[in-house]
Amino acid sequence: MPRSSLAGTGFHRIWAGESISLVGAQVTYFAMPLVAVLSLHANAFDMGLLNAAGSLAVLLLGPSIGVWADRREQRGAMIGANLARCLLLAAVPVAWYLGALNLPLLLVVAFGVGALSLLFDSAMASYVPALVGKDRLLPANSWMQSSVSVADTAGPGLAGVLVQVLGAPLAVAVDALSYLASTVALVGSPRSRGKAAPDEHDDETHWQAVRHGLRMVLRDGVQRPLVLAAAHFNFFTAMFFALYILYLVRSLHFSPLLIGLLNVAGGVAGLAGAAISNRLTARYGYGPVLALAYALPGGAAILVPLAGRVDLVPGAVLVALSSAVWSGSVVVNLILSESVKQTVVPHAYLGRATSVIRFVSFGVEPIGALLASGLVALGLGLGGTMLLASVGVGTSSLWLVVTGVHRLRHVAPPEETDQVNLLQTGIVSEEH
């Protein structure tokens, strides 16, 4: 669907602001671990804690945040989340300047940003379909994931330059400023039509709403396998990336600038993935493409520990290739998974559905990250632990194969009223 189909909806203003903030988030994605490694001399256990902190917020607060987002005006919730993230991230360079930077502060910032990002994403999951309509979700999500890929392209290189020139703590300030830019875009965007949840369910208690969100996702024959596959994938991804920066710096002796430049390959591949996702889905269907998108990153991840067995230049090529295959696959996965969710879930429940999916699929990340640290301490080593995590990542596609979701060709939206009635009785159809 051409870009003009989204014109006049207000979507492109949101897309522009989100693109800016995503570039800033990529800077922090690389800068925060480098703050820990270079400024605080963190070890493998420290890196596991830092990696776990952001996803721990999802584990502890996930479903509740989704209900909260559904019951409030989405644009206001997104603006509040942006401003709060800006303030939290600004604390890192300020603390560094005052000589008060330490690991506990980084953990608090990571936890807070993780919670606020879930709030923002849960609200946006309802806001975007309201702007564009369900018939334009796939192109809208492709544009959103294109933003992720642009950020993956520009962010790592920018992060490498900023860390090399300014130092990692000051690089985090760029992300803080990017959330201000995103807020400006939101302020000028169309206001959402009140809260997402319909008035007839206002008397539903908070925990009843949480339970409805869990049932809606976990009793659905398509969403449940996708969520379990995502949880499997993210568990081993957390193991892998808890050690990724540490391995590149300590074992491969890559500079921050080189790390950033090599990961630009991932952004370029992500753009390609966003560009071809519609055509892949039209030709092969949702299921086959999703199954492949879950399997490919495992093979890509293996290339990183293998880079430790060769010289610097071929090792750098392997890391760049790994980043490209990983990012291209993940972008396609995210576009299709988001489109499935926004098609089959009634609009009034998109916020809590998003948070439930994040709760299940991201909630395992603290365990994976801490397990990685434990395996290193037990003697498996950085490379061995990353190799084990790589195999785990690749096997996540088995959830789709075992349940038959890999044969899914099309996704049809259920009748909104029927789905809401089923939710109220706790019975959700497993067929679409």
Protein backbone atom coordinates (compact mmCIF):
# COMPACT_ATOMS: atom_id res chain seq x y z
CA MET A 1 0.00 0.00 0.00
CA PRO A 2 1.55 3.35 -1.00
CA ARG A 3 2.45 6.02 1.42
CA SER A 4 -0.43 8.23 0.25
CA SER A 5 -2.89 5.80 1.85
CA LEU A 6 -1.68 7.05 5.25
CA ALA A 7 -1.70 10.72 4.33
CA GLY A 8 -4.07 12.94 6.27
CA THR A 9 -4.30 10.54 9.22
CA GLY A 10 -1.64 12.26 11.32
CA PHE A 11 0.38 9.04 11.23
CA HIS A 12 3.46 10.50 9.55
CA ARG A 13 3.92 13.09 12.28
CA ILE A 14 3.93 10.32 14.88
CA TRP A 15 6.28 8.30 12.69
CA ALA A 16 8.75 11.20 12.41
CA GLY A 17 8.83 11.82 16.16
CA GLU A 18 9.19 8.13 16.90
CA SER A 19 12.04 7.86 14.39
CA ILE A 20 13.99 10.56 16.24
CA SER A 21 13.46 8.98 19.64
CA LEU A 22 14.41 5.56 18.32
CA VAL A 23 17.76 6.89 17.09
CA GLY A 24 18.34 8.27 20.57
CA ALA A 25 17.30 4.96 22.12
CA GLN A 26 19.84 3.16 19.96
CA VAL A 27 22.53 5.50 21.25
CA THR A 28 21.60 4.56 24.81
CA TYR A 29 21.37 0.87 23.88
CA PHE A 30 25.09 0.98 23.11
CA ALA A 31 26.12 3.72 25.48
CA MET A 32 24.63 2.34 28.72
CA PRO A 33 26.58 -0.95 28.64
CA LEU A 34 29.69 1.01 27.67
CA VAL A 35 29.14 3.31 30.65
CA ALA A 36 29.17 0.21 32.83
CA VAL A 37 32.18 -1.41 31.15
CA LEU A 38 34.37 1.63 30.54
CA SER A 39 33.40 4.03 33.34
CA LEU A 40 32.46 1.61 36.13
CA HIS A 41 34.64 -1.39 35.12
CA ALA A 42 31.66 -3.76 35.27
CA ASN A 43 32.12 -7.54 35.23
CA ALA A 44 29.87 -10.23 33.73
CA PHE A 45 27.59 -10.29 36.81
CA ASP A 46 27.16 -6.51 36.70
CA MET A 47 26.27 -6.68 33.01
CA GLY A 48 23.70 -9.36 33.73
CA LEU A 49 22.08 -7.15 36.34
CA LEU A 50 22.02 -4.15 34.00
CA ASN A 51 20.52 -6.17 31.17
CA ALA A 52 17.91 -7.61 33.52
CA ALA A 53 16.84 -4.28 35.06
CA GLY A 54 14.80 -2.97 32.12
CA SER A 55 12.93 -6.21 31.51
CA LEU A 56 12.36 -6.65 35.24
CA ALA A 57 10.05 -3.63 35.05
CA VAL A 58 7.99 -5.47 32.43
CA LEU A 59 7.87 -8.59 34.61
CA LEU A 60 6.70 -6.72 37.71
CA LEU A 61 4.41 -4.10 36.17
CA GLY A 62 3.48 -5.38 32.71
CA PRO A 63 -0.23 -6.31 32.80
CA SER A 64 -1.11 -3.44 35.13
CA ILE A 65 0.52 -0.89 32.84
CA GLY A 66 -1.54 -2.18 29.91
CA VAL A 67 -4.83 -1.78 31.79
CA TRP A 68 -3.78 1.71 32.86
CA ALA A 69 -2.99 2.62 29.23
CA ASP A 70 -6.35 1.30 28.00
CA ARG A 71 -8.24 3.45 30.50
CA ARG A 72 -6.58 6.75 29.66
CA GLU A 73 -6.23 9.05 26.70
CA GLN A 74 -3.38 7.50 24.74
CA ARG A 75 -1.64 10.60 23.44
CA GLY A 76 -1.41 12.08 26.94
CA ALA A 77 0.02 8.82 28.31
CA MET A 78 2.64 8.77 25.54
CA ILE A 79 3.65 12.39 26.21
CA GLY A 80 3.99 11.72 29.94
CA ALA A 81 6.10 8.62 29.30
CA ASN A 82 8.42 10.58 26.99
CA LEU A 83 9.00 13.39 29.47
CA ALA A 84 9.67 10.97 32.32
CA ARG A 85 12.17 8.99 30.22
CA CYS A 86 13.94 12.22 29.34
CA LEU A 87 14.40 13.11 33.01
CA LEU A 88 15.60 9.64 33.98
CA LEU A 89 18.21 9.44 31.24
CA ALA A 90 19.43 12.97 31.97
CA ALA A 91 20.39 11.73 35.45
CA VAL A 92 23.25 9.65 33.98
CA PRO A 93 25.39 12.47 32.54
CA VAL A 94 24.51 14.72 35.51
CA ALA A 95 25.66 12.06 37.99
CA TRP A 96 28.82 11.47 35.96
CA TYR A 97 29.62 15.19 35.98
CA LEU A 98 29.11 15.33 39.76
CA GLY A 99 31.24 12.24 40.34
CA ALA A 100 28.27 10.31 41.70
CA LEU A 101 27.75 7.80 38.86
CA ASN A 102 27.48 4.20 40.04
CA LEU A 103 25.91 0.88 39.07
CA PRO A 104 22.81 1.20 41.31
CA LEU A 105 21.91 4.45 39.54
CA LEU A 106 22.24 2.77 36.14
CA LEU A 107 19.98 -0.05 37.36
CA VAL A 108 17.32 2.42 38.54
CA VAL A 109 17.45 4.30 35.23
CA ALA A 110 17.21 1.07 33.22
CA PHE A 111 14.26 -0.13 35.32
CA GLY A 112 12.40 3.18 35.02
CA VAL A 113 12.99 3.53 31.28
CA GLY A 114 11.82 -0.07 30.81
CA ALA A 115 8.53 0.61 32.62
CA LEU A 116 7.91 3.89 30.82
CA SER A 117 8.72 2.39 27.44
CA LEU A 118 6.10 -0.30 28.07
CA LEU A 119 3.57 2.41 28.92
CA PHE A 120 4.41 4.33 25.74
CA ASP A 121 4.23 1.22 23.54
CA SER A 122 0.97 0.01 25.12
CA ALA A 123 -0.67 3.37 24.51
CA MET A 124 0.71 3.58 20.96
CA ALA A 125 -0.63 0.08 20.19
CA SER A 126 -4.14 1.57 20.56
CA TYR A 127 -3.33 5.02 19.19
CA VAL A 128 -1.96 3.97 15.78
CA PRO A 129 -4.90 1.72 14.75
CA ALA A 130 -7.29 4.50 15.75
CA LEU A 131 -5.43 6.87 13.43
CA VAL A 132 -5.04 4.66 10.37
CA GLY A 133 -7.77 1.99 10.62
CA LYS A 134 -7.22 -1.77 10.64
CA ASP A 135 -7.09 -2.04 6.84
CA ARG A 136 -3.86 0.01 6.84
CA LEU A 137 -2.09 -1.64 9.77
CA LEU A 138 0.46 -3.62 7.76
CA PRO A 139 1.83 -0.58 5.88
CA ALA A 140 1.72 1.52 9.05
CA ASN A 141 3.67 -1.12 10.96
CA SER A 142 6.11 -1.38 8.07
CA TRP A 143 6.72 2.36 8.36
CA MET A 144 7.19 2.03 12.12
CA GLN A 145 9.67 -0.80 11.73
CA SER A 146 11.42 1.19 9.01
CA SER A 147 11.98 3.76 11.75
CA VAL A 148 13.51 1.05 13.90
CA SER A 149 15.78 0.13 11.02
CA VAL A 150 16.77 3.74 10.37
CA ALA A 151 17.59 3.99 14.05
CA ASP A 152 19.55 0.75 13.85
CA THR A 153 21.46 2.22 10.93
CA ALA A 154 22.18 5.70 12.28
CA GLY A 155 22.14 4.97 16.01
CA PRO A 156 25.09 2.59 16.40
CA GLY A 157 27.42 4.70 14.27
CA LEU A 158 26.33 7.87 16.06
CA ALA A 159 26.73 6.10 19.40
CA GLY A 160 30.24 4.96 18.50
CA VAL A 161 31.29 8.48 17.51
CA LEU A 162 29.70 10.09 20.58
CA VAL A 163 31.21 7.57 22.99
CA GLN A 164 34.60 7.86 21.32
CA VAL A 165 34.57 11.68 21.37
CA LEU A 166 32.44 12.63 24.40
CA GLY A 167 32.47 9.50 26.52
CA ALA A 168 29.61 7.09 27.18
CA PRO A 169 27.83 9.10 29.94
CA LEU A 170 27.42 12.20 27.79
CA ALA A 171 26.24 10.08 24.86
CA VAL A 172 23.22 9.05 26.95
CA ALA A 173 22.16 12.72 27.00
CA VAL A 174 21.40 12.45 23.28
CA ASP A 175 18.65 9.95 24.01
CA ALA A 176 17.18 12.26 26.65
CA LEU A 177 16.96 15.05 24.06
CA SER A 178 15.41 12.72 21.48
CA TYR A 179 12.42 12.11 23.75
CA LEU A 180 11.81 15.85 23.83
CA ALA A 181 11.70 15.86 20.03
CA SER A 182 9.24 12.98 20.06
CA THR A 183 7.08 14.90 22.55
CA VAL A 184 6.93 17.92 20.23
CA ALA A 185 5.64 15.66 17.45
CA LEU A 186 3.00 14.19 19.75
CA VAL A 187 1.81 17.58 20.98
CA GLY A 188 0.97 18.55 17.40
CA SER A 189 -0.63 15.22 16.51
CA PRO A 190 -4.36 14.40 16.55
CA ARG A 191 -5.79 13.74 19.98
CA SER A 192 -7.02 10.20 20.48
CA ARG A 193 -10.73 9.77 21.07
CA GLY A 194 -10.63 9.49 24.83
CA LYS A 195 -9.61 6.29 26.57
CA ALA A 196 -9.60 3.01 24.71
CA ALA A 197 -11.81 0.94 27.01
CA PRO A 198 -15.57 1.21 26.35
CA ASP A 199 -17.73 2.87 28.99
CA GLU A 200 -19.76 -0.28 29.74
CA HIS A 201 -16.65 -1.87 31.24
CA ASP A 202 -15.66 1.03 33.47
CA ASP A 203 -16.92 -0.83 36.54
CA GLU A 204 -14.48 -3.68 35.90
CA THR A 205 -11.86 -3.82 38.66
CA HIS A 206 -8.20 -3.46 37.85
CA TRP A 207 -7.40 -7.13 38.48
CA GLN A 208 -10.45 -8.30 36.52
CA ALA A 209 -9.11 -6.28 33.60
CA VAL A 210 -5.66 -7.83 34.04
CA ARG A 211 -7.16 -11.34 34.03
CA HIS A 212 -9.20 -10.57 30.91
CA GLY A 213 -6.05 -9.42 29.15
CA LEU A 214 -4.21 -12.60 30.10
CA ARG A 215 -7.08 -14.82 28.95
CA MET A 216 -7.47 -12.92 25.71
CA VAL A 217 -3.88 -13.61 24.72
CA LEU A 218 -3.13 -16.99 26.29
CA ARG A 219 -6.37 -18.74 25.20
CA ASP A 220 -6.03 -17.68 21.59
CA GLY A 221 -4.76 -20.35 19.19
CA VAL A 222 -2.59 -17.93 17.21
CA GLN A 223 -1.47 -15.44 19.83
CA ARG A 224 -0.46 -18.07 22.40
CA PRO A 225 2.16 -19.86 20.22
CA LEU A 226 3.50 -16.51 19.04
CA VAL A 227 3.87 -15.30 22.64
CA LEU A 228 5.56 -18.54 23.74
CA ALA A 229 7.92 -18.38 20.77
CA ALA A 230 8.71 -14.77 21.65
CA ALA A 231 9.37 -15.70 25.28
CA HIS A 232 11.71 -18.52 24.20
CA PHE A 233 13.45 -16.19 21.76
CA ASN A 234 13.82 -13.37 24.29
CA PHE A 235 15.08 -15.63 27.07
CA PHE A 236 18.07 -16.72 25.01
CA THR A 237 18.43 -13.27 23.43
CA ALA A 238 18.82 -11.82 26.93
CA MET A 239 21.53 -14.41 27.64
CA PHE A 240 23.29 -13.44 24.43
CA PHE A 241 23.13 -9.67 24.72
CA ALA A 242 23.94 -9.57 28.42
CA LEU A 243 27.47 -10.50 27.32
CA TYR A 244 27.57 -9.04 23.80
CA ILE A 245 29.24 -5.67 24.49
CA LEU A 246 31.53 -7.21 27.12
CA TYR A 247 32.63 -9.88 24.63
CA LEU A 248 33.27 -7.38 21.84
CA VAL A 249 35.32 -5.12 24.12
CA ARG A 250 37.17 -7.65 26.26
CA SER A 251 37.56 -10.67 23.97
CA LEU A 252 37.58 -9.17 20.46
CA HIS A 253 39.19 -5.86 21.54
CA PHE A 254 36.80 -3.77 19.40
CA SER A 255 36.69 -0.02 20.03
CA PRO A 256 33.36 1.72 20.69
CA LEU A 257 33.54 3.33 17.24
CA LEU A 258 34.12 -0.02 15.53
CA ILE A 259 31.24 -1.63 17.45
CA GLY A 260 28.92 1.15 16.35
CA LEU A 261 29.98 1.02 12.71
CA LEU A 262 29.66 -2.76 12.48
CA ASN A 263 26.12 -2.66 13.80
CA VAL A 264 25.13 -0.23 11.05
CA ALA A 265 24.86 -3.36 8.91
CA GLY A 266 21.96 -4.42 11.10
CA GLY A 267 20.10 -1.20 10.41
CA VAL A 268 20.54 -1.52 6.65
CA ALA A 269 19.27 -5.10 6.74
CA GLY A 270 16.36 -3.99 8.91
CA LEU A 271 15.33 -1.46 6.28
CA ALA A 272 15.39 -4.22 3.69
CA GLY A 273 13.27 -6.41 5.96
CA ALA A 274 10.71 -3.64 6.40
CA ALA A 275 10.61 -3.07 2.64
CA ILE A 276 9.96 -6.71 1.72
CA SER A 277 7.73 -7.82 4.62
CA ASN A 278 4.49 -7.00 2.77
CA ARG A 279 5.57 -8.92 -0.32
CA LEU A 280 6.81 -11.90 1.68
CA THR A 281 3.52 -12.08 3.56
CA ALA A 282 1.45 -11.77 0.39
CA ARG A 283 3.38 -14.56 -1.32
CA TYR A 284 4.02 -17.05 1.49
CA GLY A 285 1.58 -16.09 4.27
CA TYR A 286 2.14 -15.05 7.86
CA GLY A 287 3.09 -18.42 9.35
CA PRO A 288 5.98 -19.52 7.09
CA VAL A 289 7.59 -16.08 7.18
CA LEU A 290 7.30 -15.82 10.97
CA ALA A 291 8.77 -19.31 11.47
CA LEU A 292 11.78 -18.40 9.34
CA ALA A 293 12.15 -15.03 11.07
CA TYR A 294 12.39 -16.81 14.43
CA ALA A 295 14.94 -19.38 13.19
CA LEU A 296 17.43 -17.20 11.29
CA PRO A 297 18.73 -15.08 14.22
CA GLY A 298 20.07 -18.22 15.91
CA GLY A 299 22.42 -18.91 13.02
CA ALA A 300 23.37 -15.25 12.92
CA ALA A 301 24.20 -15.17 16.63
CA ILE A 302 26.63 -18.11 16.32
CA LEU A 303 28.85 -15.94 14.11
CA VAL A 304 29.74 -13.66 17.06
CA PRO A 305 31.48 -16.25 19.29
CA LEU A 306 33.05 -17.69 16.13
CA ALA A 307 34.61 -14.26 15.51
CA GLY A 308 36.82 -14.90 18.54
CA ARG A 309 38.54 -17.72 16.64
CA VAL A 310 39.77 -15.60 13.72
CA ASP A 311 41.78 -12.42 13.23
CA LEU A 312 40.43 -8.89 13.72
CA VAL A 313 39.28 -8.15 10.16
CA PRO A 314 37.44 -11.43 9.43
CA GLY A 315 36.06 -11.28 12.97
CA ALA A 316 34.65 -7.83 12.27
CA VAL A 317 33.06 -9.14 9.05
CA LEU A 318 31.40 -11.98 10.97
CA VAL A 319 29.98 -9.57 13.56
CA ALA A 320 28.64 -7.29 10.83
CA LEU A 321 27.04 -10.23 9.01
CA SER A 322 25.52 -11.43 12.27
CA SER A 323 24.04 -8.00 12.92
CA ALA A 324 22.58 -7.84 9.40
CA VAL A 325 20.87 -11.24 9.42
CA TRP A 326 19.63 -10.79 12.99
CA SER A 327 18.14 -7.33 12.46
CA GLY A 328 16.55 -8.10 9.10
CA SER A 329 14.82 -11.16 10.53
CA VAL A 330 13.67 -9.43 13.72
CA VAL A 331 12.18 -6.48 11.82
CA VAL A 332 10.09 -8.81 9.66
CA ASN A 333 9.04 -10.69 12.80
CA LEU A 334 7.96 -7.51 14.58
CA ILE A 335 5.96 -6.18 11.63
CA LEU A 336 4.02 -9.40 11.19
CA SER A 337 3.51 -10.07 14.92
CA GLU A 338 2.28 -6.53 15.55
CA SER A 339 -0.08 -6.69 12.58
CA VAL A 340 -1.52 -10.02 13.78
CA LYS A 341 -2.12 -8.61 17.26
CA GLN A 342 -3.71 -5.38 16.03
CA THR A 343 -5.97 -7.32 13.67
CA VAL A 344 -7.32 -9.98 16.01
CA VAL A 345 -7.51 -7.98 19.26
CA PRO A 346 -10.40 -5.51 19.70
CA HIS A 347 -9.22 -1.91 19.83
CA ALA A 348 -10.46 -1.40 23.39
CA TYR A 349 -8.06 -4.07 24.62
CA LEU A 350 -4.93 -3.40 22.59
CA GLY A 351 -3.12 -1.70 25.46
CA ARG A 352 -3.53 -4.58 27.88
CA ALA A 353 -2.87 -7.15 25.12
CA THR A 354 0.40 -5.40 24.34
CA SER A 355 1.45 -5.33 27.97
CA VAL A 356 0.46 -8.98 28.52
CA ILE A 357 2.52 -10.03 25.51
CA ARG A 358 5.45 -7.99 26.81
CA PHE A 359 4.90 -9.42 30.32
CA VAL A 360 5.16 -13.01 29.08
CA SER A 361 7.77 -12.55 26.37
CA PHE A 362 9.99 -9.94 28.06
CA GLY A 363 9.43 -11.08 31.63
CA VAL A 364 11.81 -14.00 31.09
CA GLU A 365 14.67 -11.69 30.12
CA PRO A 366 15.95 -11.00 33.67
CA ILE A 367 16.27 -14.77 34.21
CA GLY A 368 18.13 -15.20 30.92
CA ALA A 369 20.48 -12.32 31.59
CA LEU A 370 21.31 -13.51 35.12
CA LEU A 371 21.72 -17.10 33.90
CA ALA A 372 24.31 -15.87 31.40
CA SER A 373 26.31 -14.28 34.22
CA GLY A 374 26.03 -17.46 36.27
CA LEU A 375 27.22 -19.70 33.44
CA VAL A 376 30.26 -17.48 32.91
CA ALA A 377 31.05 -17.65 36.62
CA LEU A 378 30.73 -21.46 36.54
CA GLY A 379 33.41 -21.63 33.88
CA LEU A 380 31.54 -21.84 30.56
CA GLY A 381 33.13 -18.53 29.54
CA LEU A 382 31.84 -15.63 27.47
CA GLY A 383 32.12 -17.38 24.10
CA GLY A 384 30.69 -20.68 25.33
CA THR A 385 27.70 -19.03 26.97
CA MET A 386 26.98 -16.97 23.85
CA LEU A 387 27.20 -20.11 21.71
CA LEU A 388 24.67 -21.87 23.95
CA ALA A 389 22.38 -18.83 23.78
CA SER A 390 22.64 -18.81 19.98
CA VAL A 391 21.36 -22.38 19.74
CA GLY A 392 18.50 -21.48 22.08
CA VAL A 393 17.51 -18.48 19.95
CA GLY A 394 17.28 -20.58 16.78
CA THR A 395 15.03 -23.24 18.33
CA SER A 396 12.31 -20.67 19.19
CA SER A 397 10.67 -21.33 15.81
CA LEU A 398 9.70 -24.83 17.01
CA TRP A 399 6.73 -23.35 18.88
CA LEU A 400 5.19 -22.29 15.58
CA VAL A 401 5.94 -25.62 13.90
CA VAL A 402 4.58 -27.80 16.73
CA THR A 403 1.33 -25.82 17.00
CA GLY A 404 0.79 -25.52 13.25
CA VAL A 405 0.99 -21.71 13.21
CA HIS A 406 3.75 -22.01 10.59
CA ARG A 407 0.97 -22.90 8.12
CA LEU A 408 -1.03 -19.70 8.82
CA ARG A 409 -1.67 -17.86 5.58
CA HIS A 410 -4.05 -15.00 6.45
CA VAL A 411 -5.33 -13.24 9.57
CA ALA A 412 -8.97 -12.18 9.74
CA PRO A 413 -10.33 -9.75 12.35
CA PRO A 414 -13.02 -11.16 14.63
CA GLU A 415 -16.29 -9.33 15.17
CA GLU A 416 -15.57 -6.71 17.83
CA THR A 417 -18.78 -7.27 19.77
CA ASP A 418 -18.44 -11.06 19.72
CA GLN A 419 -14.88 -10.87 20.96
CA VAL A 420 -15.78 -8.50 23.80
CA ASN A 421 -18.62 -10.83 24.88
CA LEU A 422 -16.24 -13.77 24.88
CA LEU A 423 -13.82 -11.79 26.99
CA GLN A 424 -16.47 -11.09 29.57
CA THR A 425 -17.18 -14.82 29.95
CA GLY A 426 -13.51 -15.71 29.91
CA ILE A 427 -13.92 -17.77 26.73
CA VAL A 428 -11.92 -16.69 23.70
CA SER A 429 -12.11 -18.55 20.42
CA GLU A 430 -8.94 -20.26 19.27
CA GLU A 431 -9.88 -19.94 15.60
CA HIS A 432 -9.81 -16.86 13.42
